[in-house]
Protein backbone atom coordinates (compact mmCIF):
# COMPACT_ATOMS: atom_id res chain seq x y z
CA UNK A 1 0.88 -8.75 -2.03
CA UNK A 2 0.10 -9.35 1.60
CA UNK A 3 -2.63 -8.45 4.01
CA UNK A 4 -1.82 -8.23 7.68
CA UNK A 5 -4.08 -8.21 10.69
CA UNK A 6 -1.47 -7.08 13.18
CA UNK A 7 -2.63 -4.82 15.98
CA UNK A 8 -0.26 -2.20 17.26
CA UNK A 9 0.39 -2.25 20.95
CA UNK A 10 -1.83 -0.05 23.12
CA UNK A 11 1.03 2.35 23.69
CA UNK A 12 2.31 2.34 20.12
CA UNK A 13 3.01 5.78 18.77
CA UNK A 14 3.66 6.71 15.21
CA UNK A 15 7.08 8.26 14.63
CA UNK A 16 7.14 12.01 14.10
CA UNK A 17 9.75 11.63 11.36
CA UNK A 18 9.66 13.93 8.39
CA UNK A 19 6.90 16.26 9.60
CA UNK A 20 8.83 17.17 12.76
CA UNK A 21 12.01 17.73 10.76
CA UNK A 22 10.27 19.87 8.15
CA UNK A 23 8.44 22.06 10.67
CA UNK A 24 11.55 22.47 12.82
CA UNK A 25 13.74 23.43 9.87
CA UNK A 26 11.15 25.89 8.59
CA UNK A 27 10.90 27.61 11.98
CA UNK A 28 14.64 27.50 12.57
CA UNK A 29 15.58 28.85 9.15
CA UNK A 30 12.85 31.49 9.32
CA UNK A 31 14.08 32.80 12.66
CA UNK A 32 17.68 32.75 11.46
CA UNK A 33 16.66 34.58 8.28
CA UNK A 34 14.86 37.24 10.35
CA UNK A 35 17.93 37.51 12.57
CA UNK A 36 20.15 37.89 9.50
CA UNK A 37 17.84 40.54 8.06
CA UNK A 38 17.95 42.41 11.37
CA UNK A 39 21.75 42.31 11.39
CA UNK A 40 21.87 43.38 7.76
CA UNK A 41 19.59 46.31 8.51
CA UNK A 42 21.92 47.33 11.30
CA UNK A 43 25.11 46.86 9.33
CA UNK A 44 24.32 47.54 5.66
CA UNK A 45 23.18 50.79 4.06
CA UNK A 46 23.85 54.44 4.68
CA UNK A 47 23.00 56.37 7.83
CA UNK A 48 24.01 59.49 9.74
CA UNK A 49 26.09 58.86 12.83
CA UNK A 50 24.28 60.24 15.92
CA UNK A 51 25.87 63.29 17.49
CA UNK A 52 26.29 61.37 20.73
CA UNK A 53 28.46 58.74 19.05
CA UNK A 54 32.20 58.74 19.79
CA UNK A 55 32.95 58.92 16.07
CA UNK A 56 30.88 62.09 15.72
CA UNK A 57 32.84 63.84 18.47
CA UNK A 58 36.18 62.49 17.27
CA UNK A 59 35.78 63.36 13.56
CA UNK A 60 36.11 67.19 13.80
CA UNK A 61 39.39 66.94 15.71
CA UNK A 62 40.91 64.46 13.25
CA UNK A 63 39.71 66.59 10.34
CA UNK A 64 41.27 69.75 11.72
CA UNK A 65 44.58 68.01 12.38
CA UNK A 66 44.57 66.44 8.90
CA UNK A 67 43.88 69.81 7.24
CA UNK A 68 46.54 71.54 9.36
CA UNK A 69 49.13 68.88 8.46
CA UNK A 70 48.42 69.26 4.75
CA UNK A 71 48.26 73.04 4.69
CA UNK A 72 51.36 73.46 6.81
CA UNK A 73 53.60 70.76 5.35
CA UNK A 74 51.99 69.65 2.13
CA UNK A 75 51.31 66.13 0.98
CA UNK A 76 54.40 64.74 2.72
CA UNK A 77 53.29 66.08 6.10
CA UNK A 78 49.77 64.71 5.60
CA UNK A 79 51.16 61.30 4.66
CA UNK A 80 53.18 61.19 7.88
CA UNK A 81 50.09 62.28 9.80
CA UNK A 82 48.06 59.48 8.20
CA UNK A 83 50.75 56.89 8.88
CA UNK A 84 50.98 57.92 12.51
CA UNK A 85 47.21 57.89 12.97
CA UNK A 86 46.16 54.63 11.31
CA UNK A 87 49.46 52.70 11.33
CA UNK A 88 49.00 49.15 10.04
CA UNK A 89 45.37 48.84 11.08
CA UNK A 90 44.19 48.49 7.49
CA UNK A 91 42.25 51.76 7.63
CA UNK A 92 42.59 54.11 4.67
CA UNK A 93 42.39 57.87 5.30
CA UNK A 94 41.67 60.26 2.43
CA UNK A 95 41.65 64.06 2.51
CA UNK A 96 39.70 65.28 -0.51
CA UNK A 97 39.94 68.93 -1.52
CA UNK A 98 37.26 71.16 -2.96
CA UNK A 99 37.98 69.84 -6.46
CA UNK A 100 37.19 66.24 -5.45
CA UNK A 101 40.83 65.14 -5.62
CA UNK A 102 42.82 63.32 -2.95
CA UNK A 103 45.62 65.50 -1.64
CA UNK A 104 48.03 62.58 -2.11
CA UNK A 105 46.85 62.19 -5.72
CA UNK A 106 45.58 58.69 -5.02
CA UNK A 107 42.62 57.35 -7.00
CA UNK A 108 39.50 57.39 -4.90
CA UNK A 109 37.98 53.84 -4.69
CA UNK A 110 34.87 53.53 -6.81
CA UNK A 111 32.82 52.19 -3.93
CA UNK A 112 33.40 55.40 -1.97
CA UNK A 113 32.64 58.00 -4.62
CA UNK A 114 28.94 58.07 -3.78
CA UNK A 115 29.47 58.71 -0.09
CA UNK A 116 32.00 61.44 -0.88
CA UNK A 117 29.44 63.19 -3.04
CA UNK A 118 26.75 62.67 -0.38
CA UNK A 119 28.86 64.14 2.45
CA UNK A 120 26.73 66.45 4.57
CA UNK A 121 27.31 70.15 4.97
CA UNK A 122 25.88 70.31 8.50
CA UNK A 123 28.93 68.81 10.17
CA UNK A 124 27.40 65.37 10.63
CA UNK A 125 29.31 62.17 9.88
CA UNK A 126 27.80 59.97 7.16
CA UNK A 127 28.53 56.24 7.28
CA UNK A 128 27.81 53.53 4.71
CA UNK A 129 28.16 49.82 5.52
CA UNK A 130 28.74 47.26 2.79
CA UNK A 131 29.48 43.56 2.56
CA UNK A 132 33.24 44.05 2.14
CA UNK A 133 33.94 47.35 3.90
CA UNK A 134 32.45 50.37 5.61
CA UNK A 135 33.12 54.03 4.68
CA UNK A 136 32.59 57.30 6.56
CA UNK A 137 32.70 60.84 5.21
CA UNK A 138 32.92 64.17 7.06
CA UNK A 139 32.65 67.49 5.21
CA UNK A 140 34.26 70.52 6.84
CA UNK A 141 36.05 73.83 6.20
CA UNK A 142 39.55 74.40 7.52
CA UNK A 143 40.48 77.54 9.53
CA UNK A 144 42.04 78.89 6.33
CA UNK A 145 38.67 78.71 4.61
CA UNK A 146 39.36 75.73 2.29
CA UNK A 147 36.64 73.06 1.95
CA UNK A 148 37.59 69.40 2.49
CA UNK A 149 35.99 65.98 2.85
CA UNK A 150 37.62 63.54 5.25
CA UNK A 151 37.05 59.95 4.04
CA UNK A 152 37.76 56.90 6.17
CA UNK A 153 37.60 53.47 4.54
CA UNK A 154 38.08 50.17 6.46
CA UNK A 155 37.63 46.54 5.43
CA UNK A 156 35.57 44.06 7.47
CA UNK A 157 37.28 41.69 9.87
CA UNK A 158 35.51 38.67 11.39
CA UNK A 159 36.26 39.53 15.00
CA UNK A 160 35.28 43.16 14.51
CA UNK A 161 32.14 42.14 12.64
CA UNK A 162 30.97 39.78 15.41
CA UNK A 163 31.79 42.31 18.08
CA UNK A 164 29.89 45.03 16.23
CA UNK A 165 26.85 42.99 15.23
CA UNK A 166 26.34 40.77 18.25
CA UNK A 167 27.32 43.36 20.79
CA UNK A 168 29.51 40.85 22.57
CA UNK A 169 31.26 38.72 20.02
CA UNK A 170 31.02 35.01 19.38
CA UNK A 171 29.67 33.90 22.81
CA UNK A 172 26.58 36.09 22.49
CA UNK A 173 26.05 34.96 18.90
CA UNK A 174 26.25 31.32 20.04
CA UNK A 175 23.81 32.00 22.87
CA UNK A 176 21.33 33.56 20.46
CA UNK A 177 21.65 30.58 18.11
CA UNK A 178 21.08 28.16 21.02
CA UNK A 179 18.00 30.07 22.18
CA UNK A 180 16.61 30.08 18.63
CA UNK A 181 17.16 26.31 18.35
CA UNK A 182 15.49 25.59 21.71
CA UNK A 183 12.55 27.82 20.86
CA UNK A 184 12.07 26.17 17.45
CA UNK A 185 12.27 22.68 19.01
CA UNK A 186 9.63 23.58 21.59
CA UNK A 187 7.34 25.20 19.04
CA UNK A 188 7.70 22.27 16.64
CA UNK A 189 6.95 19.76 19.40
CA UNK A 190 3.97 21.86 20.51
CA UNK A 191 2.50 21.60 17.01
CA UNK A 192 3.55 18.12 15.91
CA UNK A 193 3.08 16.12 19.15
CA UNK A 194 -0.75 16.42 19.10
CA UNK A 195 -0.77 15.28 15.48
CA UNK A 196 1.33 12.31 16.54
CA UNK A 197 -1.16 11.47 19.31
CA UNK A 198 -4.12 11.63 16.92
CA UNK A 199 -2.20 9.54 14.37
CA UNK A 200 -1.46 6.91 16.98
CA UNK A 201 -5.15 6.79 17.93
CA UNK A 202 -6.10 6.52 14.25
CA UNK A 203 -3.77 3.54 13.82
CA UNK A 204 -5.41 1.77 16.75
CA UNK A 205 -8.85 2.48 15.30
CA UNK A 206 -7.69 1.09 11.94
CA UNK A 207 -6.53 -2.03 13.80
CA UNK A 208 -10.04 -2.50 15.18
CA UNK A 209 -9.93 -0.83 18.59
CA UNK A 210 -12.98 1.46 18.53
CA UNK A 211 -12.69 2.31 22.22
CA UNK A 212 -9.67 4.55 21.69
CA UNK A 213 -10.02 8.33 21.74
CA UNK A 214 -7.63 11.17 21.05
CA UNK A 215 -5.31 12.16 23.94
CA UNK A 216 -6.93 14.35 26.59
CA UNK A 217 -4.14 16.94 26.46
CA UNK A 218 -4.94 17.59 22.79
CA UNK A 219 -8.61 18.31 23.56
CA UNK A 220 -7.57 20.90 26.15
CA UNK A 221 -5.51 23.04 23.76
CA UNK A 222 -8.40 25.32 22.61
CA UNK A 223 -7.10 25.59 19.05
CA UNK A 224 -7.60 23.97 15.63
CA UNK A 225 -5.89 20.77 16.75
CA UNK A 226 -8.37 20.47 19.62
CA UNK A 227 -11.19 20.82 17.09
CA UNK A 228 -9.56 18.10 14.99
CA UNK A 229 -9.38 15.84 18.05
CA UNK A 230 -13.06 16.49 18.81
CA UNK A 231 -14.05 15.65 15.22
CA UNK A 232 -11.92 12.50 15.37
CA UNK A 233 -13.61 11.37 18.60
CA UNK A 234 -17.04 12.06 17.13
CA UNK A 235 -16.15 10.02 14.04
CA UNK A 236 -14.92 7.06 16.11
CA UNK A 237 -18.05 7.23 18.28
CA UNK A 238 -20.26 7.06 15.20
CA UNK A 239 -18.23 4.17 13.82
CA UNK A 240 -18.42 2.37 17.15
CA UNK A 241 -22.20 2.81 17.33
CA UNK A 242 -22.60 1.57 13.75
CA UNK A 243 -20.42 -1.50 14.32
CA UNK A 244 -22.22 -2.32 17.59
CA UNK A 245 -25.61 -2.12 15.90
CA UNK A 246 -24.39 -4.32 13.04
CA UNK A 247 -22.97 -6.91 15.43
CA UNK A 248 -26.11 -6.85 17.56
CA UNK A 249 -28.25 -7.34 14.46
CA UNK A 250 -26.19 -10.31 13.24
CA UNK A 251 -26.16 -11.88 16.69
CA UNK A 252 -29.90 -11.41 17.20
CA UNK A 253 -30.80 -12.73 13.76
CA UNK A 254 -28.51 -15.72 14.19
CA UNK A 255 -29.98 -16.62 17.57
CA UNK A 256 -33.56 -16.13 16.39
CA UNK A 257 -33.05 -18.33 13.33
CA UNK A 258 -31.39 -21.25 15.10
CA UNK A 259 -34.60 -22.48 16.74
CA UNK A 260 -36.75 -22.39 13.56
CA UNK A 261 -33.92 -24.10 11.67
CA UNK A 262 -33.72 -26.84 14.28
CA UNK A 263 -37.49 -27.40 14.05
CA UNK A 264 -37.29 -27.37 10.25
CA UNK A 265 -34.58 -30.06 10.27
CA UNK A 266 -36.69 -32.22 12.58
CA UNK A 267 -39.75 -31.68 10.35
CA UNK A 268 -37.79 -32.77 7.29
CA UNK A 269 -36.70 -35.94 9.10
CA UNK A 270 -40.33 -36.75 9.96
CA UNK A 271 -41.47 -35.88 6.45
CA UNK A 272 -38.90 -38.26 4.97
CA UNK A 273 -40.54 -41.18 6.79
CA UNK A 274 -43.96 -40.33 5.38
CA UNK A 275 -43.09 -39.19 1.87
CA UNK A 276 -43.20 -41.41 -1.24
CA UNK A 277 -39.89 -42.53 -2.83
CA UNK A 278 -40.24 -40.08 -5.74
CA UNK A 279 -39.92 -37.16 -3.28
CA UNK A 280 -36.50 -38.33 -2.05
CA UNK A 281 -34.50 -36.07 -4.38
CA UNK A 282 -36.51 -33.01 -3.37
CA UNK A 283 -36.05 -33.82 0.32
CA UNK A 284 -32.30 -34.24 -0.12
CA UNK A 285 -32.07 -30.83 -1.79
CA UNK A 286 -34.11 -29.27 1.00
CA UNK A 287 -31.92 -30.88 3.66
CA UNK A 288 -28.78 -29.65 1.85
CA UNK A 289 -30.03 -26.08 1.69
CA UNK A 290 -31.20 -26.13 5.31
CA UNK A 291 -27.80 -27.53 6.33
CA UNK A 292 -26.01 -24.68 4.57
CA UNK A 293 -28.20 -22.14 6.33
CA UNK A 294 -27.55 -23.87 9.65
CA UNK A 295 -23.79 -23.76 9.00
CA UNK A 296 -24.02 -20.08 8.10
CA UNK A 297 -25.90 -19.30 11.32
CA UNK A 298 -23.31 -21.21 13.32
CA UNK A 299 -20.47 -19.27 11.74
CA UNK A 300 -22.27 -15.98 12.33
CA UNK A 301 -22.62 -16.82 15.99
CA UNK A 302 -18.94 -17.76 16.17
CA UNK A 303 -17.88 -14.49 14.51
CA UNK A 304 -20.19 -12.51 16.80
CA UNK A 305 -18.70 -14.20 19.87
CA UNK A 306 -15.16 -13.44 18.73
CA UNK A 307 -15.92 -9.81 17.91
CA UNK A 308 -17.40 -9.19 21.35
CA UNK A 309 -14.14 -10.39 22.89
CA UNK A 310 -12.96 -13.64 24.41
CA UNK A 311 -13.57 -14.21 28.08
CA UNK A 312 -10.44 -14.40 30.21
CA UNK A 313 -12.00 -17.33 32.10
CA UNK A 314 -11.88 -19.48 28.96
CA UNK A 315 -8.19 -18.86 28.38
CA UNK A 316 -5.52 -21.37 29.23
CA UNK A 317 -2.18 -22.61 27.92
CA UNK A 318 -2.84 -24.35 24.60
CA UNK A 319 -0.54 -26.91 22.98
CA UNK A 320 -0.60 -25.53 19.45
CA UNK A 321 1.41 -28.45 18.06
CA UNK A 322 -1.18 -30.99 19.20
CA UNK A 323 -4.08 -28.79 18.10
CA UNK A 324 -2.67 -28.41 14.57
CA UNK A 325 -1.98 -32.15 14.34
CA UNK A 326 -5.62 -32.90 15.20
CA UNK A 327 -6.97 -30.35 12.70
CA UNK A 328 -4.64 -31.64 9.95
CA UNK A 329 -5.69 -35.25 10.64
CA UNK A 330 -9.37 -34.33 10.27
CA UNK A 331 -8.65 -32.26 7.16
CA UNK A 332 -6.59 -35.02 5.55
CA UNK A 333 -9.44 -37.49 6.14
CA UNK A 334 -11.90 -35.14 4.41
CA UNK A 335 -9.45 -34.33 1.59
CA UNK A 336 -8.96 -38.00 0.62
CA UNK A 337 -12.61 -38.23 -0.38
CA UNK A 338 -11.94 -35.81 -3.27
CA UNK A 339 -8.48 -37.02 -4.27
CA UNK A 340 -6.47 -34.53 -2.21
CA UNK A 341 -4.27 -34.72 0.88
CA UNK A 342 -2.81 -32.60 3.67
CA UNK A 343 0.85 -32.91 4.71
CA UNK A 344 2.12 -31.60 8.03
CA UNK A 345 5.63 -30.61 9.05
CA UNK A 346 5.57 -29.40 12.64
CA UNK A 347 7.76 -28.76 15.64
CA UNK A 348 6.60 -30.24 18.90
CA UNK A 349 5.96 -28.54 22.20
CA UNK A 350 4.76 -25.17 20.92
CA UNK A 351 2.52 -23.74 23.62
CA UNK A 352 0.47 -20.54 23.42
CA UNK A 353 -0.07 -18.96 26.82
CA UNK A 354 -3.48 -17.64 27.93
CA UNK A 355 -5.21 -18.68 24.72
CA UNK A 356 -8.75 -19.76 23.84
CA UNK A 357 -8.43 -23.29 22.46
CA UNK A 358 -11.78 -23.25 20.67
CA UNK A 359 -10.99 -19.95 18.94
CA UNK A 360 -7.55 -21.13 17.79
CA UNK A 361 -9.02 -24.42 16.57
CA UNK A 362 -11.66 -22.53 14.62
CA UNK A 363 -9.00 -20.34 12.99
CA UNK A 364 -6.81 -23.30 11.97
CA UNK A 365 -9.76 -25.33 10.70
CA UNK A 366 -11.14 -22.54 8.54
CA UNK A 367 -7.77 -21.78 6.93
CA UNK A 368 -6.90 -25.45 6.28
CA UNK A 369 -10.38 -26.32 4.97
CA UNK A 370 -10.28 -23.26 2.72
CA UNK A 371 -6.96 -24.53 1.30
CA UNK A 372 -8.40 -28.05 0.81
CA UNK A 373 -11.39 -26.64 -1.06
CA UNK A 374 -9.29 -24.64 -3.53
CA UNK A 375 -6.25 -26.89 -4.09
CA UNK A 376 -6.40 -28.86 -7.33
CA UNK A 377 -7.32 -32.58 -7.25
CA UNK A 378 -4.25 -34.78 -6.91
CA UNK A 379 -2.29 -32.10 -5.04
CA UNK A 380 -1.64 -31.71 -1.35
CA UNK A 381 -1.97 -28.87 1.10
CA UNK A 382 1.32 -28.13 2.85
CA UNK A 383 1.08 -27.18 6.53
CA UNK A 384 4.23 -26.09 8.36
CA UNK A 385 4.36 -25.17 12.06
CA UNK A 386 7.54 -23.76 13.59
CA UNK A 387 8.81 -21.13 15.97
CA UNK A 388 10.84 -18.00 15.26
CA UNK A 389 13.02 -16.21 17.77
CA UNK A 390 12.29 -12.54 18.38
CA UNK A 391 14.16 -9.91 20.39
CA UNK A 392 12.73 -10.74 23.82
CA UNK A 393 10.48 -13.72 23.07
CA UNK A 394 9.44 -16.12 20.33
CA UNK A 395 6.44 -16.53 18.06
CA UNK A 396 4.72 -19.48 16.47
CA UNK A 397 4.45 -19.48 12.66
CA UNK A 398 1.76 -21.61 10.99
CA UNK A 399 2.01 -21.68 7.19
CA UNK A 400 -0.76 -23.22 5.02
CA UNK A 401 -0.07 -23.40 1.29
CA UNK A 402 -2.37 -24.83 -1.40
CA UNK A 403 -1.89 -25.44 -5.14
CA UNK A 404 -5.07 -23.82 -6.35
CA UNK A 405 -5.67 -20.83 -8.63
CA UNK A 406 -4.59 -18.30 -6.03
CA UNK A 407 -6.28 -14.96 -5.47
CA UNK A 408 -6.29 -11.98 -7.86
CA UNK A 409 -3.99 -9.25 -6.63
CA UNK A 410 -6.81 -6.73 -6.24
CA UNK A 411 -8.73 -9.17 -4.01
CA UNK A 412 -5.92 -10.01 -1.56
CA UNK A 413 -6.89 -7.00 0.54
CA UNK A 414 -10.49 -8.21 0.87
CA UNK A 415 -10.47 -11.98 1.40
CA UNK A 416 -10.59 -11.60 5.20
CA UNK A 417 -13.74 -9.47 5.07
CA UNK A 418 -17.04 -11.18 6.04
CA UNK A 419 -19.08 -12.57 3.11
CA UNK A 420 -16.39 -11.74 0.56
CA UNK A 421 -15.87 -14.33 -2.15
CA UNK A 422 -13.29 -14.35 -4.90
CA UNK A 423 -14.87 -14.09 -8.32
CA UNK A 424 -13.30 -16.64 -10.61
CA UNK A 425 -13.45 -15.82 -14.34
CA UNK A 426 -13.95 -19.50 -15.12
CA UNK A 427 -16.94 -19.74 -12.78
CA UNK A 428 -15.12 -22.19 -10.47
CA UNK A 429 -17.85 -23.65 -8.19
CA UNK A 430 -15.35 -23.99 -5.33
CA UNK A 431 -15.61 -20.26 -4.76
CA UNK A 432 -19.38 -20.55 -4.34
CA UNK A 433 -19.51 -23.41 -1.85
CA UNK A 434 -18.22 -21.40 1.10
CA UNK A 435 -20.12 -18.94 3.24
CA UNK A 436 -17.53 -16.18 3.03
CA UNK A 437 -17.05 -16.20 6.80
CA UNK A 438 -14.25 -18.74 7.33
CA UNK A 439 -11.30 -16.39 6.85
CA UNK A 440 -13.10 -13.57 8.68
CA UNK A 441 -13.51 -15.88 11.69
CA UNK A 442 -9.84 -16.86 11.46
CA UNK A 443 -8.77 -13.23 11.30
CA UNK A 444 -10.83 -12.24 14.35
CA UNK A 445 -9.64 -15.25 16.35
CA UNK A 446 -5.99 -14.42 15.65
CA UNK A 447 -6.55 -10.73 16.43
CA UNK A 448 -7.91 -11.72 19.83
CA UNK A 449 -4.57 -13.44 20.50
CA UNK A 450 -2.47 -10.42 19.42
CA UNK A 451 -1.40 -12.25 16.28
CA UNK A 452 -1.03 -11.56 12.57
CA UNK A 453 -2.40 -13.16 9.42
CA UNK A 454 -0.52 -12.72 6.16
CA UNK A 455 -1.95 -13.90 2.81
CA UNK A 456 0.13 -13.93 -0.37
CA UNK A 457 0.09 -15.65 -3.74
CA UNK A 458 2.62 -18.48 -3.93
CA UNK A 459 4.98 -19.08 -6.83
CA UNK A 460 4.14 -20.46 -9.37
CA UNK A 461 0.55 -21.18 -8.28
CA UNK A 462 -1.47 -21.33 -5.12
CA UNK A 463 -2.16 -19.24 -2.05
CA UNK A 464 -0.10 -19.18 1.15
CA UNK A 465 -1.62 -18.04 4.44
CA UNK A 466 0.66 -17.48 7.45
CA UNK A 467 -0.40 -17.12 11.08
CA UNK A 468 2.05 -15.46 13.47
CA UNK A 469 1.25 -15.89 17.16
CA UNK A 470 3.24 -14.75 20.19
CA UNK A 471 3.89 -17.78 22.38
CA UNK A 472 3.76 -15.82 25.63
CA UNK A 473 1.39 -13.14 26.90
CA UNK A 474 3.03 -9.70 26.99
């Protein structure tokens, strides 16, 4: 497991990704489905042809000619009439007598029987559209007084279908599809883009930037997303006020306690000169406890200073290679007193631009001293400093690995929080000697330099902490 302290850039935006695709497809498919339903309603089903339609005016003439051909020349004459009228167009023409039989003795297709029976007696043409064909029936009486039904059956053809449904063929259908796509893209962007802006702001808040607010254009929408943006801003404002009050309290308490602690240390030194020898152990314990409180106050002040932001006046180019060498030398000297050591493997000439040397030193010291405290006696802390090439620049990588018990997986997400201490099942006193502020100070110092801290359990034992720092100011 790893925990990272990386801060997204101020202009970082979360990708729209799946939400945009889902919303767009839903809108697009919905509009296409409505369009298909509209076309189906126009093309499928049964309806009476309006009297103004060309078919309605043309049907009586064709019917009279068909009846005249049959009555004057029989089935053979009607067959010639049909062949001359429809040719090879694929249209089937049936003349059905009063007994419901085709005059050419052909079987009537089953899909047309219903429209034959439903033929109207008022001289109107009845048309039924299906998926495979369309059929029209016209009921009339010939001049000789015989009743007939003229049935026209034609199969669908792609070109005819597009021309009939789209009113202009394939170009108009393509134009409609393009307009639907553009409309769905705009509508999807109109809905998803504000969510993306609020998500981007939420990521920056999660990274520690409590000054960020939702985009102004979202607040001006006058809809539910604007209300969401207003609630988000109110939440961040409350969080910001709470964090400021907490930081102010810690800073004030730390400053107020430093002076009494200083006077207490001086009083203990004077008391030592006047106290009998048997009080020496008690005085040593008092001095130890006062020293721990003084260290805690110092670390609180350091954390408070980092959280309020580093002054640009204190920034300069810092030779990270030399700084790490100095910190490792001091740590190795302290480690030898308890049977441990610190080994360094570093590249030279690694410079961090516009950095606060004191803040970087504090971060390196806290991480290395934390590793010294937890590594087992007889082992060594491994410190590696190198550079890694990136797309447009490079970054410095400082790796500190100990051979201690490591950190439980559920605690890796919390070790950089102030005052958090790992609870060891064995009651290891090393976990109780610290103040719980060292890694929090390191995290805040690295954050101020646009860097990243990654903590992970090493294999087979130990904890590895990596610091990634950009070498140049972007």
